[in-house]
C-alpha atoms as a PDB file:
ATOM      1  CA  MET A   1     -81.764 -27.276  64.992  1.00  0.00           C
ATOM      2  CA  PRO A   2     -80.610 -30.604  63.651  1.00  0.00           C
ATOM      3  CA  MET A   3     -80.053 -30.899  59.993  1.00  0.00           C
ATOM      4  CA  HIS A   4     -80.944 -33.862  57.843  1.00  0.00           C
ATOM      5  CA  HIS A   5     -79.165 -35.289  54.938  1.00  0.00           C
ATOM      6  CA  PRO A   6     -79.448 -38.415  52.617  1.00  0.00           C
ATOM      7  CA  PRO A   7     -77.960 -41.520  54.272  1.00  0.00           C
ATOM      8  CA  ASP A   8     -75.539 -42.109  51.325  1.00  0.00           C
ATOM      9  CA  SER A   9     -73.881 -38.618  51.435  1.00  0.00           C
ATOM     10  CA  ALA A  10     -70.184 -38.358  52.501  1.00  0.00           C
ATOM     11  CA  GLY A  11     -69.227 -35.638  54.698  1.00  0.00           C
ATOM     12  CA  GLY A  12     -66.086 -33.598  54.296  1.00  0.00           C
ATOM     13  CA  ALA A  13     -65.972 -33.405  50.496  1.00  0.00           C
ATOM     14  CA  ASP A  14     -62.854 -31.491  49.334  1.00  0.00           C
ATOM     15  CA  LEU A  15     -64.188 -29.185  46.795  1.00  0.00           C
ATOM     16  CA  ALA A  16     -60.658 -27.912  45.749  1.00  0.00           C
ATOM     17  CA  ARG A  17     -59.953 -31.585  44.484  1.00  0.00           C
ATOM     18  CA  GLY A  18     -62.981 -31.176  42.112  1.00  0.00           C
ATOM     19  CA  GLU A  19     -65.371 -33.217  43.992  1.00  0.00           C
ATOM     20  CA  THR A  20     -69.102 -32.433  43.863  1.00  0.00           C
ATOM     21  CA  PRO A  21     -70.689 -30.510  46.780  1.00  0.00           C
ATOM     22  CA  LEU A  22     -72.974 -32.318  49.202  1.00  0.00           C
ATOM     23  CA  PRO A  23     -76.630 -31.897  48.555  1.00  0.00           C
ATOM     24  CA  ALA A  24     -78.521 -29.282  50.462  1.00  0.00           C
ATOM     25  CA  LEU A  25     -79.296 -29.889  54.009  1.00  0.00           C
ATOM     26  CA  LEU A  26     -82.924 -29.481  55.091  1.00  0.00           C
ATOM     27  CA  THR A  27     -84.255 -28.837  58.517  1.00  0.00           C
ATOM     28  CA  ALA A  28     -86.667 -31.316  60.298  1.00  0.00           C
ATOM     29  CA  LYS A  29     -89.628 -28.987  59.548  1.00  0.00           C
ATOM     30  CA  GLU A  30     -88.641 -28.644  55.895  1.00  0.00           C
ATOM     31  CA  THR A  31     -88.397 -32.422  55.682  1.00  0.00           C
ATOM     32  CA  GLN A  32     -91.785 -32.932  57.341  1.00  0.00           C
ATOM     33  CA  ALA A  33     -93.327 -30.338  54.994  1.00  0.00           C
ATOM     34  CA  LEU A  34     -91.934 -32.221  52.049  1.00  0.00           C
ATOM     35  CA  LEU A  35     -93.292 -35.463  53.336  1.00  0.00           C
ATOM     36  CA  TRP A  36     -96.821 -34.018  53.893  1.00  0.00           C
ATOM     37  CA  SER A  37     -96.785 -32.472  50.441  1.00  0.00           C
ATOM     38  CA  PHE A  38     -95.743 -35.794  49.031  1.00  0.00           C
ATOM     39  CA  LYS A  39     -98.856 -37.294  50.644  1.00  0.00           C
ATOM     40  CA  GLY A  40    -100.863 -34.662  48.750  1.00  0.00           C
ATOM     41  CA  LYS A  41    -101.480 -32.199  51.460  1.00  0.00           C
ATOM     42  CA  THR A  42    -101.848 -28.492  50.811  1.00  0.00           C
ATOM     43  CA  SER A  43     -99.946 -25.754  52.597  1.00  0.00           C
ATOM     44  CA  TRP A  44    -103.174 -25.007  54.634  1.00  0.00           C
ATOM     45  CA  GLU A  45    -103.410 -28.855  55.609  1.00  0.00           C
ATOM     46  CA  ILE A  46     -99.740 -28.888  56.502  1.00  0.00           C
ATOM     47  CA  ALA A  47    -100.042 -25.872  58.648  1.00  0.00           C
ATOM     48  CA  ARG A  48    -102.928 -27.315  60.618  1.00  0.00           C
ATOM     49  CA  ILE A  49    -101.054 -30.602  61.178  1.00  0.00           C
ATOM     50  CA  GLN A  50     -97.772 -28.806  62.180  1.00  0.00           C
ATOM     51  CA  ASN A  51     -99.745 -26.271  64.255  1.00  0.00           C
ATOM     52  CA  CYS A  52     -98.354 -23.245  62.606  1.00  0.00           C
ATOM     53  CA  SER A  53     -99.519 -20.698  60.048  1.00  0.00           C
ATOM     54  CA  GLU A  54     -99.802 -21.250  56.353  1.00  0.00           C
ATOM     55  CA  SER A  55     -97.232 -18.522  55.826  1.00  0.00           C
ATOM     56  CA  THR A  56     -94.657 -20.421  57.850  1.00  0.00           C
ATOM     57  CA  ILE A  57     -95.139 -23.603  55.632  1.00  0.00           C
ATOM     58  CA  ASN A  58     -94.840 -21.530  52.561  1.00  0.00           C
ATOM     59  CA  PHE A  59     -91.695 -19.972  54.000  1.00  0.00           C
ATOM     60  CA  HIS A  60     -90.255 -23.556  54.622  1.00  0.00           C
ATOM     61  CA  PHE A  61     -91.052 -24.268  50.894  1.00  0.00           C
ATOM     62  CA  SER A  62     -89.445 -21.250  49.681  1.00  0.00           C
ATOM     63  CA  ASN A  63     -86.284 -22.247  51.772  1.00  0.00           C
ATOM     64  CA  ILE A  64     -86.588 -25.759  50.245  1.00  0.00           C
ATOM     65  CA  ARG A  65     -86.804 -24.512  46.633  1.00  0.00           C
ATOM     66  CA  ARG A  66     -83.813 -22.325  47.321  1.00  0.00           C
ATOM     67  CA  LYS A  67     -81.680 -25.053  48.945  1.00  0.00           C
ATOM     68  CA  LEU A  68     -82.535 -27.428  46.185  1.00  0.00           C
ATOM     69  CA  SER A  69     -82.049 -25.011  43.415  1.00  0.00           C
ATOM     70  CA  VAL A  70     -85.609 -25.573  41.872  1.00  0.00           C
ATOM     71  CA  THR A  71     -88.434 -23.291  41.025  1.00  0.00           C
ATOM     72  CA  SER A  72     -91.619 -25.183  41.970  1.00  0.00           C
ATOM     73  CA  ARG A  73     -92.929 -27.483  44.776  1.00  0.00           C
ATOM     74  CA  SER A  74     -93.204 -30.355  42.305  1.00  0.00           C
ATOM     75  CA  ALA A  75     -89.584 -30.067  41.212  1.00  0.00           C
ATOM     76  CA  ALA A  76     -88.678 -29.795  44.937  1.00  0.00           C
ATOM     77  CA  LEU A  77     -90.440 -33.061  45.645  1.00  0.00           C
ATOM     78  CA  LEU A  78     -88.840 -34.806  42.529  1.00  0.00           C
ATOM     79  CA  LYS A  79     -85.370 -33.629  43.698  1.00  0.00           C
ATOM     80  CA  ALA A  80     -85.936 -34.559  47.256  1.00  0.00           C
ATOM     81  CA  ILE A  81     -86.797 -38.153  46.125  1.00  0.00           C
ATOM     82  CA  GLU A  82     -83.755 -38.262  43.861  1.00  0.00           C
ATOM     83  CA  LEU A  83     -81.503 -37.080  46.708  1.00  0.00           C
ATOM     84  CA  GLY A  84     -83.047 -39.527  49.201  1.00  0.00           C
ATOM     85  CA  PHE A  85     -84.746 -36.985  51.487  1.00  0.00           C
ATOM     86  CA  ILE A  86     -88.023 -38.970  50.847  1.00  0.00           C
ATOM     87  CA  ASN A  87     -88.101 -42.626  50.487  1.00  0.00           C
ATOM     88  CA  VAL A  88     -90.944 -43.550  48.286  1.00  0.00           C
ATOM     89  CA  ALA A  89     -90.881 -47.251  48.990  1.00  0.00           C
ATOM     90  CA  SER A  90     -91.518 -46.817  52.678  1.00  0.00           C
ATOM     91  CA  THR A  91     -93.802 -43.844  52.493  1.00  0.00           C
ATOM     92  CA  ASP A  92     -97.513 -44.732  52.471  1.00  0.00           C
ATOM     93  CA  ALA A  93     -99.176 -42.271  49.967  1.00  0.00           C
ATOM     94  CA  GLY A  94    -102.447 -41.966  51.874  1.00  0.00           C
ATOM     95  CA  GLY A  95    -102.842 -40.593  55.345  1.00  0.00           C
ATOM     96  CA  ALA A  96    -103.711 -42.920  58.296  1.00  0.00           C
ATOM     97  CA  HIS A  97    -107.075 -41.130  58.554  1.00  0.00           C
ATOM     98  CA  GLU A  98    -108.098 -41.621  55.053  1.00  0.00           C
ATOM     99  CA  PRO A  99    -110.230 -44.655  54.149  1.00  0.00           C
ATOM    100  CA  ASP A 100    -108.965 -47.174  51.759  1.00  0.00           C
END
């Protein structure tokens, strides 16, 4: 399964030279779940959109929190924005099906 990373991260960092480790890599499904959560969707709604169970979405968020070293979904969203996983400027906060 392909892994996604921020566009400005450099690969092959040599940790022995004291360089900082690369940010966590998220799967496509984890990234999608974060994007839907950023748009205000609940786990139940994301599960319906992605055609899977709510438990699967909660599992994705558990993995996201672990990979980003945070303890909440809100903190995961903030860190994902900071690391470049979510581009706030190009993300429409409302869904296409929602009226203005």
